[in-house]
Amino acid sequence: MPDLLVEHHGVPVLVCDAGGAPIATEQDALDHLIGAAFAEPVELIAVPAERFDASFYDLSSGLAGAILQKFSSYRLRLAVVGDISGHLRASSALPDLVREANRGRDVWFVADLEELVARLSA
């Protein structure tokens, strides 16, 4: 399935295909996520959790911080969609990042697209 542009509660969302290119570097995020957003009027990019390399979830790698900073710099919101429970159990810092991110409006970690739509309705 290709990436899909949808609108939920007035927010244009690019829902990325789970089979798309893996995101293993900051440049991958620019090329495959942020770059795709500029082809359409997008406010939020929903990326399946499995597209991110395991190093994204290892905060000591710096990859998550770099990618989240890029999204902020380009004024785009990010939703990581899917089960990351294994990564949460393996890290002491990641649960704190997820908890803090989910309190805001720019980066969310959600279980599925239904949860994302519910958050957008709030």
PDB file of N, CA and C in Angstrom:
ATOM      1  N   MET A   1       0.847  -1.178   0.000  1.00  0.00           N
ATOM      2  CA  MET A   1       0.000   0.000   0.000  1.00  0.00           C
ATOM      3  C   MET A   1       0.893   1.241   0.000  1.00  0.00           C
ATOM      4  N   PRO A   2       0.617   2.187  -0.860  1.00  0.00           N
ATOM      5  CA  PRO A   2       1.414   3.420  -0.857  1.00  0.00           C
ATOM      6  C   PRO A   2       1.016   4.322   0.308  1.00  0.00           C
ATOM      7  N   ASP A   3       1.840   5.336   0.555  1.00  0.00           N
ATOM      8  CA  ASP A   3       1.483   6.329   1.563  1.00  0.00           C
ATOM      9  C   ASP A   3       0.131   6.916   1.186  1.00  0.00           C
ATOM     10  N   LEU A   4      -0.625   7.327   2.189  1.00  0.00           N
ATOM     11  CA  LEU A   4      -1.980   7.786   1.969  1.00  0.00           C
ATOM     12  C   LEU A   4      -2.196   9.110   2.685  1.00  0.00           C
ATOM     13  N   LEU A   5      -2.712  10.096   1.987  1.00  0.00           N
ATOM     14  CA  LEU A   5      -3.045  11.382   2.590  1.00  0.00           C
ATOM     15  C   LEU A   5      -4.506  11.346   3.008  1.00  0.00           C
ATOM     16  N   VAL A   6      -4.752  11.557   4.294  1.00  0.00           N
ATOM     17  CA  VAL A   6      -6.109  11.580   4.837  1.00  0.00           C
ATOM     18  C   VAL A   6      -6.251  12.819   5.711  1.00  0.00           C
ATOM     19  N   GLU A   7      -7.483  13.128   6.051  1.00  0.00           N
ATOM     20  CA  GLU A   7      -7.720  14.236   6.981  1.00  0.00           C
ATOM     21  C   GLU A   7      -8.575  13.712   8.123  1.00  0.00           C
ATOM     22  N   HIS A   8      -8.128  13.995   9.333  1.00  0.00           N
ATOM     23  CA  HIS A   8      -8.869  13.611  10.529  1.00  0.00           C
ATOM     24  C   HIS A   8      -9.051  14.849  11.392  1.00  0.00           C
ATOM     25  N   HIS A   9     -10.304  15.194  11.618  1.00  0.00           N
ATOM     26  CA  HIS A   9     -10.633  16.329  12.481  1.00  0.00           C
ATOM     27  C   HIS A   9      -9.908  17.596  12.039  1.00  0.00           C
ATOM     28  N   GLY A  10      -9.860  17.800  10.732  1.00  0.00           N
ATOM     29  CA  GLY A  10      -9.255  19.008  10.176  1.00  0.00           C
ATOM     30  C   GLY A  10      -7.744  18.988  10.079  1.00  0.00           C
ATOM     31  N   VAL A  11      -7.118  17.866  10.424  1.00  0.00           N
ATOM     32  CA  VAL A  11      -5.659  17.764  10.385  1.00  0.00           C
ATOM     33  C   VAL A  11      -5.255  16.877   9.201  1.00  0.00           C
ATOM     34  N   PRO A  12      -4.515  17.436   8.231  1.00  0.00           N
ATOM     35  CA  PRO A  12      -4.027  16.600   7.132  1.00  0.00           C
ATOM     36  C   PRO A  12      -2.906  15.682   7.627  1.00  0.00           C
ATOM     37  N   VAL A  13      -3.103  14.380   7.414  1.00  0.00           N
ATOM     38  CA  VAL A  13      -2.186  13.363   7.930  1.00  0.00           C
ATOM     39  C   VAL A  13      -1.669  12.525   6.766  1.00  0.00           C
ATOM     40  N   LEU A  14      -0.357  12.374   6.701  1.00  0.00           N
ATOM     41  CA  LEU A  14       0.255  11.441   5.758  1.00  0.00           C
ATOM     42  C   LEU A  14       0.470  10.135   6.505  1.00  0.00           C
ATOM     43  N   VAL A  15      -0.277   9.109   6.131  1.00  0.00           N
ATOM     44  CA  VAL A  15      -0.147   7.791   6.752  1.00  0.00           C
ATOM     45  C   VAL A  15       0.831   6.994   5.898  1.00  0.00           C
ATOM     46  N   CYS A  16       1.975   6.721   6.461  1.00  0.00           N
ATOM     47  CA  CYS A  16       3.047   6.048   5.719  1.00  0.00           C
ATOM     48  C   CYS A  16       2.819   4.545   5.673  1.00  0.00           C
ATOM     49  N   ASP A  17       3.221   3.969   4.575  1.00  0.00           N
ATOM     50  CA  ASP A  17       3.105   2.544   4.337  1.00  0.00           C
ATOM     51  C   ASP A  17       4.110   1.780   5.207  1.00  0.00           C
ATOM     52  N   ALA A  18       3.658   0.708   5.817  1.00  0.00           N
ATOM     53  CA  ALA A  18       4.547  -0.112   6.648  1.00  0.00           C
ATOM     54  C   ALA A  18       5.671  -0.735   5.832  1.00  0.00           C
ATOM     55  N   GLY A  19       5.446  -0.934   4.551  1.00  0.00           N
ATOM     56  CA  GLY A  19       6.460  -1.548   3.699  1.00  0.00           C
ATOM     57  C   GLY A  19       7.414  -0.553   3.068  1.00  0.00           C
ATOM     58  N   GLY A  20       7.337   0.690   3.475  1.00  0.00           N
ATOM     59  CA  GLY A  20       8.219   1.713   2.912  1.00  0.00           C
ATOM     60  C   GLY A  20       9.656   1.549   3.371  1.00  0.00           C
ATOM     61  N   ALA A  21      10.495   2.444   2.892  1.00  0.00           N
ATOM     62  CA  ALA A  21      11.930   2.398   3.210  1.00  0.00           C
ATOM     63  C   ALA A  21      12.161   2.501   4.714  1.00  0.00           C
ATOM     64  N   PRO A  22      13.100   1.702   5.227  1.00  0.00           N
ATOM     65  CA  PRO A  22      13.423   1.785   6.654  1.00  0.00           C
ATOM     66  C   PRO A  22      14.036   3.152   6.990  1.00  0.00           C
ATOM     67  N   ILE A  23      13.806   3.577   8.216  1.00  0.00           N
ATOM     68  CA  ILE A  23      14.353   4.844   8.695  1.00  0.00           C
ATOM     69  C   ILE A  23      15.463   4.498   9.686  1.00  0.00           C
ATOM     70  N   ALA A  24      16.701   4.512   9.202  1.00  0.00           N
ATOM     71  CA  ALA A  24      17.847   4.126  10.023  1.00  0.00           C
ATOM     72  C   ALA A  24      18.802   5.283  10.274  1.00  0.00           C
ATOM     73  N   THR A  25      18.580   6.402   9.570  1.00  0.00           N
ATOM     74  CA  THR A  25      19.446   7.570   9.737  1.00  0.00           C
ATOM     75  C   THR A  25      18.591   8.840   9.692  1.00  0.00           C
ATOM     76  N   GLU A  26      19.194   9.916  10.107  1.00  0.00           N
ATOM     77  CA  GLU A  26      18.533  11.215  10.021  1.00  0.00           C
ATOM     78  C   GLU A  26      18.210  11.543   8.562  1.00  0.00           C
ATOM     79  N   GLN A  27      19.119  11.207   7.656  1.00  0.00           N
ATOM     80  CA  GLN A  27      18.892  11.476   6.238  1.00  0.00           C
ATOM     81  C   GLN A  27      17.720  10.656   5.703  1.00  0.00           C
ATOM     82  N   ASP A  28      17.558   9.427   6.183  1.00  0.00           N
ATOM     83  CA  ASP A  28      16.401   8.621   5.783  1.00  0.00           C
ATOM     84  C   ASP A  28      15.106   9.329   6.164  1.00  0.00           C
ATOM     85  N   ALA A  29      15.073   9.904   7.357  1.00  0.00           N
ATOM     86  CA  ALA A  29      13.872  10.631   7.804  1.00  0.00           C
ATOM     87  C   ALA A  29      13.600  11.822   6.894  1.00  0.00           C
ATOM     88  N   LEU A  30      14.659  12.526   6.526  1.00  0.00           N
ATOM     89  CA  LEU A  30      14.496  13.668   5.619  1.00  0.00           C
ATOM     90  C   LEU A  30      14.012  13.206   4.248  1.00  0.00           C
ATOM     91  N   ASP A  31      14.630  12.183   3.713  1.00  0.00           N
ATOM     92  CA  ASP A  31      14.313  11.723   2.360  1.00  0.00           C
ATOM     93  C   ASP A  31      12.950  11.053   2.264  1.00  0.00           C
ATOM     94  N   HIS A  32      12.628  10.183   3.216  1.00  0.00           N
ATOM     95  CA  HIS A  32      11.459   9.322   3.081  1.00  0.00           C
ATOM     96  C   HIS A  32      10.242   9.785   3.867  1.00  0.00           C
ATOM     97  N   LEU A  33      10.417  10.665   4.815  1.00  0.00           N
ATOM     98  CA  LEU A  33       9.275  11.124   5.605  1.00  0.00           C
ATOM     99  C   LEU A  33       9.023  12.607   5.381  1.00  0.00           C
ATOM    100  N   ILE A  34       9.973  13.417   5.766  1.00  0.00           N
ATOM    101  CA  ILE A  34       9.800  14.863   5.665  1.00  0.00           C
ATOM    102  C   ILE A  34       9.697  15.293   4.204  1.00  0.00           C
ATOM    103  N   GLY A  35      10.519  14.715   3.346  1.00  0.00           N
ATOM    104  CA  GLY A  35      10.447  15.033   1.920  1.00  0.00           C
ATOM    105  C   GLY A  35       9.085  14.707   1.333  1.00  0.00           C
ATOM    106  N   ALA A  36       8.514  13.587   1.752  1.00  0.00           N
ATOM    107  CA  ALA A  36       7.190  13.191   1.262  1.00  0.00           C
ATOM    108  C   ALA A  36       6.117  14.176   1.706  1.00  0.00           C
ATOM    109  N   ALA A  37       6.319  14.793   2.850  1.00  0.00           N
ATOM    110  CA  ALA A  37       5.334  15.736   3.377  1.00  0.00           C
ATOM    111  C   ALA A  37       5.256  17.004   2.545  1.00  0.00           C
ATOM    112  N   PHE A  38       6.323  17.352   1.871  1.00  0.00           N
ATOM    113  CA  PHE A  38       6.316  18.587   1.104  1.00  0.00           C
ATOM    114  C   PHE A  38       5.628  18.424  -0.251  1.00  0.00           C
ATOM    115  N   ALA A  39       5.304  17.195  -0.623  1.00  0.00           N
ATOM    116  CA  ALA A  39       4.564  16.968  -1.861  1.00  0.00           C
ATOM    117  C   ALA A  39       3.070  17.214  -1.654  1.00  0.00           C
ATOM    118  N   GLU A  40       2.639  17.236  -0.419  1.00  0.00           N
ATOM    119  CA  GLU A  40       1.224  17.405  -0.065  1.00  0.00           C
ATOM    120  C   GLU A  40       1.116  18.394   1.092  1.00  0.00           C
ATOM    121  N   PRO A  41      -0.064  18.964   1.296  1.00  0.00           N
ATOM    122  CA  PRO A  41      -0.255  19.843   2.460  1.00  0.00           C
ATOM    123  C   PRO A  41      -0.455  19.004   3.726  1.00  0.00           C
ATOM    124  N   VAL A  42       0.626  18.655   4.378  1.00  0.00           N
ATOM    125  CA  VAL A  42       0.596  17.731   5.521  1.00  0.00           C
ATOM    126  C   VAL A  42       0.993  18.462   6.799  1.00  0.00           C
ATOM    127  N   GLU A  43       0.298  18.135   7.883  1.00  0.00           N
ATOM    128  CA  GLU A  43       0.647  18.669   9.194  1.00  0.00           C
ATOM    129  C   GLU A  43       1.268  17.600  10.084  1.00  0.00           C
ATOM    130  N   LEU A  44       0.809  16.359   9.898  1.00  0.00           N
ATOM    131  CA  LEU A  44       1.252  15.266  10.753  1.00  0.00           C
ATOM    132  C   LEU A  44       1.616  14.061   9.878  1.00  0.00           C
ATOM    133  N   ILE A  45       2.699  13.393  10.228  1.00  0.00           N
ATOM    134  CA  ILE A  45       3.112  12.183   9.519  1.00  0.00           C
ATOM    135  C   ILE A  45       2.991  11.012  10.489  1.00  0.00           C
ATOM    136  N   ALA A  46       2.199  10.017  10.096  1.00  0.00           N
ATOM    137  CA  ALA A  46       2.005   8.812  10.900  1.00  0.00           C
ATOM    138  C   ALA A  46       2.883   7.709  10.315  1.00  0.00           C
ATOM    139  N   VAL A  47       3.863   7.274  11.100  1.00  0.00           N
ATOM    140  CA  VAL A  47       4.849   6.307  10.619  1.00  0.00           C
ATOM    141  C   VAL A  47       4.731   5.016  11.425  1.00  0.00           C
ATOM    142  N   PRO A  48       4.575   3.887  10.741  1.00  0.00           N
ATOM    143  CA  PRO A  48       4.554   2.615  11.466  1.00  0.00           C
ATOM    144  C   PRO A  48       5.848   2.420  12.265  1.00  0.00           C
ATOM    145  N   ALA A  49       5.708   1.997  13.495  1.00  0.00           N
ATOM    146  CA  ALA A  49       6.853   1.855  14.400  1.00  0.00           C
ATOM    147  C   ALA A  49       7.939   0.959  13.816  1.00  0.00           C
ATOM    148  N   GLU A  50       7.545  -0.053  13.054  1.00  0.00           N
ATOM    149  CA  GLU A  50       8.532  -0.994  12.520  1.00  0.00           C
ATOM    150  C   GLU A  50       9.400  -0.404  11.421  1.00  0.00           C
ATOM    151  N   ARG A  51       9.038   0.743  10.896  1.00  0.00           N
ATOM    152  CA  ARG A  51       9.882   1.377   9.881  1.00  0.00           C
ATOM    153  C   ARG A  51      11.152   1.966  10.497  1.00  0.00           C
ATOM    154  N   PHE A  52      11.100   2.275  11.791  1.00  0.00           N
ATOM    155  CA  PHE A  52      12.266   2.848  12.458  1.00  0.00           C
ATOM    156  C   PHE A  52      13.241   1.745  12.855  1.00  0.00           C
ATOM    157  N   ASP A  53      14.504   1.976  12.561  1.00  0.00           N
ATOM    158  CA  ASP A  53      15.569   1.075  12.977  1.00  0.00           C
ATOM    159  C   ASP A  53      15.571   0.976  14.502  1.00  0.00           C
ATOM    160  N   ALA A  54      16.030  -0.137  15.022  1.00  0.00           N
ATOM    161  CA  ALA A  54      16.082  -0.329  16.479  1.00  0.00           C
ATOM    162  C   ALA A  54      16.877   0.778  17.168  1.00  0.00           C
ATOM    163  N   SER A  55      17.837   1.378  16.482  1.00  0.00           N
ATOM    164  CA  SER A  55      18.635   2.444  17.104  1.00  0.00           C
ATOM    165  C   SER A  55      17.798   3.685  17.407  1.00  0.00           C
ATOM    166  N   PHE A  56      16.668   3.856  16.727  1.00  0.00           N
ATOM    167  CA  PHE A  56      15.771   4.970  17.035  1.00  0.00           C
ATOM    168  C   PHE A  56      15.265   4.861  18.473  1.00  0.00           C
ATOM    169  N   TYR A  57      15.001   3.645  18.905  1.00  0.00           N
ATOM    170  CA  TYR A  57      14.453   3.398  20.237  1.00  0.00           C
ATOM    171  C   TYR A  57      15.519   3.306  21.317  1.00  0.00           C
ATOM    172  N   ASP A  58      16.784   3.275  20.925  1.00  0.00           N
ATOM    173  CA  ASP A  58      17.918   3.310  21.859  1.00  0.00           C
ATOM    174  C   ASP A  58      18.357   4.771  21.942  1.00  0.00           C
ATOM    175  N   LEU A  59      17.882   5.468  22.932  1.00  0.00           N
ATOM    176  CA  LEU A  59      18.101   6.918  22.988  1.00  0.00           C
ATOM    177  C   LEU A  59      19.566   7.300  23.053  1.00  0.00           C
ATOM    178  N   SER A  60      20.419   6.390  23.503  1.00  0.00           N
ATOM    179  CA  SER A  60      21.852   6.704  23.562  1.00  0.00           C
ATOM    180  C   SER A  60      22.459   6.842  22.162  1.00  0.00           C
ATOM    181  N   SER A  61      21.778   6.333  21.137  1.00  0.00           N
ATOM    182  CA  SER A  61      22.288   6.455  19.768  1.00  0.00           C
ATOM    183  C   SER A  61      22.153   7.883  19.241  1.00  0.00           C
ATOM    184  N   GLY A  62      21.221   8.651  19.799  1.00  0.00           N
ATOM    185  CA  GLY A  62      20.992  10.022  19.341  1.00  0.00           C
ATOM    186  C   GLY A  62      20.083  10.130  18.128  1.00  0.00           C
ATOM    187  N   LEU A  63      19.714   8.989  17.529  1.00  0.00           N
ATOM    188  CA  LEU A  63      18.905   9.027  16.319  1.00  0.00           C
ATOM    189  C   LEU A  63      17.522   9.619  16.578  1.00  0.00           C
ATOM    190  N   ALA A  64      16.861   9.197  17.627  1.00  0.00           N
ATOM    191  CA  ALA A  64      15.524   9.729  17.921  1.00  0.00           C
ATOM    192  C   ALA A  64      15.585  11.238  18.128  1.00  0.00           C
ATOM    193  N   GLY A  65      16.542  11.696  18.890  1.00  0.00           N
ATOM    194  CA  GLY A  65      16.674  13.135  19.125  1.00  0.00           C
ATOM    195  C   GLY A  65      16.889  13.908  17.838  1.00  0.00           C
ATOM    196  N   ALA A  66      17.724  13.385  16.960  1.00  0.00           N
ATOM    197  CA  ALA A  66      18.003  14.062  15.686  1.00  0.00           C
ATOM    198  C   ALA A  66      16.760  14.096  14.805  1.00  0.00           C
ATOM    199  N   ILE A  67      16.045  12.986  14.747  1.00  0.00           N
ATOM    200  CA  ILE A  67      14.848  12.938  13.913  1.00  0.00           C
ATOM    201  C   ILE A  67      13.754  13.833  14.483  1.00  0.00           C
ATOM    202  N   LEU A  68      13.547  13.788  15.773  1.00  0.00           N
ATOM    203  CA  LEU A  68      12.520  14.636  16.383  1.00  0.00           C
ATOM    204  C   LEU A  68      12.855  16.114  16.195  1.00  0.00           C
ATOM    205  N   GLN A  69      14.126  16.462  16.249  1.00  0.00           N
ATOM    206  CA  GLN A  69      14.541  17.845  16.014  1.00  0.00           C
ATOM    207  C   GLN A  69      14.249  18.266  14.576  1.00  0.00           C
ATOM    208  N   LYS A  70      14.479  17.368  13.618  1.00  0.00           N
ATOM    209  CA  LYS A  70      14.177  17.677  12.213  1.00  0.00           C
ATOM    210  C   LYS A  70      12.685  17.946  12.035  1.00  0.00           C
ATOM    211  N   PHE A  71      11.859  17.113  12.633  1.00  0.00           N
ATOM    212  CA  PHE A  71      10.420  17.329  12.531  1.00  0.00           C
ATOM    213  C   PHE A  71      10.047  18.688  13.113  1.00  0.00           C
ATOM    214  N   SER A  72      10.617  19.019  14.235  1.00  0.00           N
ATOM    215  CA  SER A  72      10.349  20.317  14.850  1.00  0.00           C
ATOM    216  C   SER A  72      10.815  21.461  13.954  1.00  0.00           C
ATOM    217  N   SER A  73      11.998  21.335  13.397  1.00  0.00           N
ATOM    218  CA  SER A  73      12.549  22.386  12.537  1.00  0.00           C
ATOM    219  C   SER A  73      11.679  22.621  11.305  1.00  0.00           C
ATOM    220  N   TYR A  74      11.083  21.555  10.785  1.00  0.00           N
ATOM    221  CA  TYR A  74      10.231  21.681   9.601  1.00  0.00           C
ATOM    222  C   TYR A  74       8.762  21.899   9.964  1.00  0.00           C
ATOM    223  N   ARG A  75       8.505  22.092  11.246  1.00  0.00           N
ATOM    224  CA  ARG A  75       7.153  22.346  11.748  1.00  0.00           C
ATOM    225  C   ARG A  75       6.158  21.254  11.333  1.00  0.00           C
ATOM    226  N   LEU A  76       6.607  20.027  11.497  1.00  0.00           N
ATOM    227  CA  LEU A  76       5.772  18.871  11.217  1.00  0.00           C
ATOM    228  C   LEU A  76       5.571  18.082  12.502  1.00  0.00           C
ATOM    229  N   ARG A  77       4.417  17.479  12.620  1.00  0.00           N
ATOM    230  CA  ARG A  77       4.134  16.620  13.761  1.00  0.00           C
ATOM    231  C   ARG A  77       4.386  15.169  13.351  1.00  0.00           C
ATOM    232  N   LEU A  78       4.734  14.336  14.331  1.00  0.00           N
ATOM    233  CA  LEU A  78       5.051  12.936  14.087  1.00  0.00           C
ATOM    234  C   LEU A  78       4.228  12.047  15.013  1.00  0.00           C
ATOM    235  N   ALA A  79       3.661  10.997  14.439  1.00  0.00           N
ATOM    236  CA  ALA A  79       3.031   9.948  15.240  1.00  0.00           C
ATOM    237  C   ALA A  79       3.730   8.638  14.890  1.00  0.00           C
ATOM    238  N   VAL A  80       4.301   8.009  15.892  1.00  0.00           N
ATOM    239  CA  VAL A  80       4.880   6.679  15.735  1.00  0.00           C
ATOM    240  C   VAL A  80       3.764   5.711  16.089  1.00  0.00           C
ATOM    241  N   VAL A  81       3.361   4.904  15.111  1.00  0.00           N
ATOM    242  CA  VAL A  81       2.162   4.081  15.243  1.00  0.00           C
ATOM    243  C   VAL A  81       2.534   2.604  15.328  1.00  0.00           C
ATOM    244  N   GLY A  82       2.175   1.983  16.438  1.00  0.00           N
ATOM    245  CA  GLY A  82       2.415   0.548  16.562  1.00  0.00           C
ATOM    246  C   GLY A  82       2.930   0.169  17.941  1.00  0.00           C
ATOM    247  N   ASP A  83       3.158  -1.092  18.095  1.00  0.00           N
ATOM    248  CA  ASP A  83       3.585  -1.665  19.368  1.00  0.00           C
ATOM    249  C   ASP A  83       5.094  -1.496  19.561  1.00  0.00           C
ATOM    250  N   ILE A  84       5.471  -0.731  20.556  1.00  0.00           N
ATOM    251  CA  ILE A  84       6.894  -0.559  20.883  1.00  0.00           C
ATOM    252  C   ILE A  84       7.194  -1.103  22.280  1.00  0.00           C
ATOM    253  N   SER A  85       6.322  -1.973  22.771  1.00  0.00           N
ATOM    254  CA  SER A  85       6.466  -2.461  24.144  1.00  0.00           C
ATOM    255  C   SER A  85       7.808  -3.144  24.395  1.00  0.00           C
ATOM    256  N   GLY A  86       8.324  -3.869  23.422  1.00  0.00           N
ATOM    257  CA  GLY A  86       9.635  -4.500  23.589  1.00  0.00           C
ATOM    258  C   GLY A  86      10.738  -3.477  23.787  1.00  0.00           C
ATOM    259  N   HIS A  87      10.682  -2.402  23.038  1.00  0.00           N
ATOM    260  CA  HIS A  87      11.672  -1.325  23.180  1.00  0.00           C
ATOM    261  C   HIS A  87      11.508  -0.619  24.526  1.00  0.00           C
ATOM    262  N   LEU A  88      10.268  -0.453  24.957  1.00  0.00           N
ATOM    263  CA  LEU A  88      10.018   0.196  26.249  1.00  0.00           C
ATOM    264  C   LEU A  88      10.583  -0.638  27.400  1.00  0.00           C
ATOM    265  N   ARG A  89      10.406  -1.952  27.314  1.00  0.00           N
ATOM    266  CA  ARG A  89      10.931  -2.828  28.374  1.00  0.00           C
ATOM    267  C   ARG A  89      12.455  -2.836  28.401  1.00  0.00           C
ATOM    268  N   ALA A  90      13.084  -2.619  27.248  1.00  0.00           N
ATOM    269  CA  ALA A  90      14.544  -2.710  27.143  1.00  0.00           C
ATOM    270  C   ALA A  90      15.250  -1.410  27.509  1.00  0.00           C
ATOM    271  N   SER A  91      14.504  -0.373  27.824  1.00  0.00           N
ATOM    272  CA  SER A  91      15.112   0.932  28.060  1.00  0.00           C
ATOM    273  C   SER A  91      14.567   1.572  29.325  1.00  0.00           C
ATOM    274  N   SER A  92      15.444   2.263  30.018  1.00  0.00           N
ATOM    275  CA  SER A  92      14.963   3.030  31.172  1.00  0.00           C
ATOM    276  C   SER A  92      14.579   4.449  30.756  1.00  0.00           C
ATOM    277  N   ALA A  93      15.150   4.949  29.680  1.00  0.00           N
ATOM    278  CA  ALA A  93      14.894   6.326  29.253  1.00  0.00           C
ATOM    279  C   ALA A  93      13.730   6.457  28.280  1.00  0.00           C
ATOM    280  N   LEU A  94      13.529   5.461  27.433  1.00  0.00           N
ATOM    281  CA  LEU A  94      12.489   5.559  26.410  1.00  0.00           C
ATOM    282  C   LEU A  94      11.088   5.748  26.997  1.00  0.00           C
ATOM    283  N   PRO A  95      10.716   5.047  28.065  1.00  0.00           N
ATOM    284  CA  PRO A  95       9.381   5.280  28.624  1.00  0.00           C
ATOM    285  C   PRO A  95       9.165   6.742  29.044  1.00  0.00           C
ATOM    286  N   ASP A  96      10.209   7.376  29.548  1.00  0.00           N
ATOM    287  CA  ASP A  96      10.098   8.789  29.918  1.00  0.00           C
ATOM    288  C   ASP A  96       9.876   9.668  28.694  1.00  0.00           C
ATOM    289  N   LEU A  97      10.605   9.391  27.612  1.00  0.00           N
ATOM    290  CA  LEU A  97      10.429  10.150  26.374  1.00  0.00           C
ATOM    291  C   LEU A  97       9.005   9.985  25.851  1.00  0.00           C
ATOM    292  N   VAL A  98       8.521   8.758  25.813  1.00  0.00           N
ATOM    293  CA  VAL A  98       7.173   8.495  25.304  1.00  0.00           C
ATOM    294  C   VAL A  98       6.134   9.208  26.161  1.00  0.00           C
ATOM    295  N   ARG A  99       6.267   9.118  27.462  1.00  0.00           N
ATOM    296  CA  ARG A  99       5.320   9.764  28.374  1.00  0.00           C
ATOM    297  C   ARG A  99       5.303  11.280  28.158  1.00  0.00           C
ATOM    298  N   GLU A 100       6.477  11.888  28.084  1.00  0.00           N
ATOM    299  CA  GLU A 100       6.561  13.340  27.876  1.00  0.00           C
ATOM    300  C   GLU A 100       6.050  13.740  26.492  1.00  0.00           C
ATOM    301  N   ALA A 101       6.417  12.984  25.481  1.00  0.00           N
ATOM    302  CA  ALA A 101       5.962  13.295  24.118  1.00  0.00           C
ATOM    303  C   ALA A 101       4.445  13.228  24.036  1.00  0.00           C
ATOM    304  N   ASN A 102       3.860  12.225  24.634  1.00  0.00           N
ATOM    305  CA  ASN A 102       2.411  12.051  24.560  1.00  0.00           C
ATOM    306  C   ASN A 102       1.644  13.103  25.343  1.00  0.00           C
ATOM    307  N   ARG A 103       2.309  13.859  26.188  1.00  0.00           N
ATOM    308  CA  ARG A 103       1.662  14.976  26.886  1.00  0.00           C
ATOM    309  C   ARG A 103       1.522  16.197  25.987  1.00  0.00           C
ATOM    310  N   GLY A 104       2.363  16.265  24.957  1.00  0.00           N
ATOM    311  CA  GLY A 104       2.357  17.416  24.061  1.00  0.00           C
ATOM    312  C   GLY A 104       1.483  17.174  22.850  1.00  0.00           C
ATOM    313  N   ARG A 105       1.753  17.932  21.798  1.00  0.00           N
ATOM    314  CA  ARG A 105       0.958  17.779  20.580  1.00  0.00           C
ATOM    315  C   ARG A 105       1.808  17.553  19.339  1.00  0.00           C
ATOM    316  N   ASP A 106       3.131  17.574  19.470  1.00  0.00           N
ATOM    317  CA  ASP A 106       3.999  17.490  18.297  1.00  0.00           C
ATOM    318  C   ASP A 106       4.491  16.090  17.983  1.00  0.00           C
ATOM    319  N   VAL A 107       4.669  15.260  18.994  1.00  0.00           N
ATOM    320  CA  VAL A 107       5.137  13.880  18.810  1.00  0.00           C
ATOM    321  C   VAL A 107       4.278  12.984  19.688  1.00  0.00           C
ATOM    322  N   TRP A 108       3.718  11.968  19.060  1.00  0.00           N
ATOM    323  CA  TRP A 108       2.908  10.996  19.797  1.00  0.00           C
ATOM    324  C   TRP A 108       3.370   9.591  19.462  1.00  0.00           C
ATOM    325  N   PHE A 109       3.283   8.730  20.446  1.00  0.00           N
ATOM    326  CA  PHE A 109       3.486   7.301  20.268  1.00  0.00           C
ATOM    327  C   PHE A 109       2.128   6.668  20.548  1.00  0.00           C
ATOM    328  N   VAL A 110       1.523   6.079  19.519  1.00  0.00           N
ATOM    329  CA  VAL A 110       0.181   5.513  19.646  1.00  0.00           C
ATOM    330  C   VAL A 110       0.188   4.064  19.199  1.00  0.00           C
ATOM    331  N   ALA A 111      -0.759   3.295  19.734  1.00  0.00           N
ATOM    332  CA  ALA A 111      -0.821   1.869  19.436  1.00  0.00           C
ATOM    333  C   ALA A 111      -1.295   1.594  18.014  1.00  0.00           C
ATOM    334  N   ASP A 112      -2.219   2.419  17.521  1.00  0.00           N
ATOM    335  CA  ASP A 112      -2.785   2.179  16.190  1.00  0.00           C
ATOM    336  C   ASP A 112      -3.398   3.468  15.654  1.00  0.00           C
ATOM    337  N   LEU A 113      -3.879   3.407  14.424  1.00  0.00           N
ATOM    338  CA  LEU A 113      -4.448   4.604  13.800  1.00  0.00           C
ATOM    339  C   LEU A 113      -5.722   5.065  14.501  1.00  0.00           C
ATOM    340  N   GLU A 114      -6.475   4.142  15.075  1.00  0.00           N
ATOM    341  CA  GLU A 114      -7.682   4.525  15.805  1.00  0.00           C
ATOM    342  C   GLU A 114      -7.331   5.407  16.997  1.00  0.00           C
ATOM    343  N   GLU A 115      -6.257   5.066  17.701  1.00  0.00           N
ATOM    344  CA  GLU A 115      -5.825   5.896  18.828  1.00  0.00           C
ATOM    345  C   GLU A 115      -5.371   7.267  18.337  1.00  0.00           C
ATOM    346  N   LEU A 116      -4.703   7.319  17.203  1.00  0.00           N
ATOM    347  CA  LEU A 116      -4.276   8.589  16.641  1.00  0.00           C
ATOM    348  C   LEU A 116      -5.487   9.462  16.305  1.00  0.00           C
ATOM    349  N   VAL A 117      -6.493   8.885  15.659  1.00  0.00           N
ATOM    350  CA  VAL A 117      -7.699   9.643  15.313  1.00  0.00           C
ATOM    351  C   VAL A 117      -8.379  10.153  16.572  1.00  0.00           C
ATOM    352  N   ALA A 118      -8.449   9.323  17.610  1.00  0.00           N
ATOM    353  CA  ALA A 118      -9.057   9.744  18.872  1.00  0.00           C
ATOM    354  C   ALA A 118      -8.289  10.919  19.483  1.00  0.00           C
ATOM    355  N   ARG A 119      -6.968  10.871  19.413  1.00  0.00           N
ATOM    356  CA  ARG A 119      -6.165  11.977  19.969  1.00  0.00           C
ATOM    357  C   ARG A 119      -6.381  13.256  19.178  1.00  0.00           C
ATOM    358  N   LEU A 120      -6.534  13.124  17.875  1.00  0.00           N
ATOM    359  CA  LEU A 120      -6.763  14.305  17.042  1.00  0.00           C
ATOM    360  C   LEU A 120      -8.125  14.917  17.304  1.00  0.00           C
ATOM    361  N   SER A 121      -9.065  14.145  17.776  1.00  0.00           N
ATOM    362  CA  SER A 121     -10.412  14.658  18.038  1.00  0.00           C
ATOM    363  C   SER A 121     -10.477  15.441  19.351  1.00  0.00           C
ATOM    364  N   ALA A 122      -9.498  15.230  20.203  1.00  0.00           N
ATOM    365  CA  ALA A 122      -9.514  15.878  21.528  1.00  0.00           C
ATOM    366  C   ALA A 122      -9.211  17.360  21.429  1.00  0.00           C
TER     367      ALA A 122
END
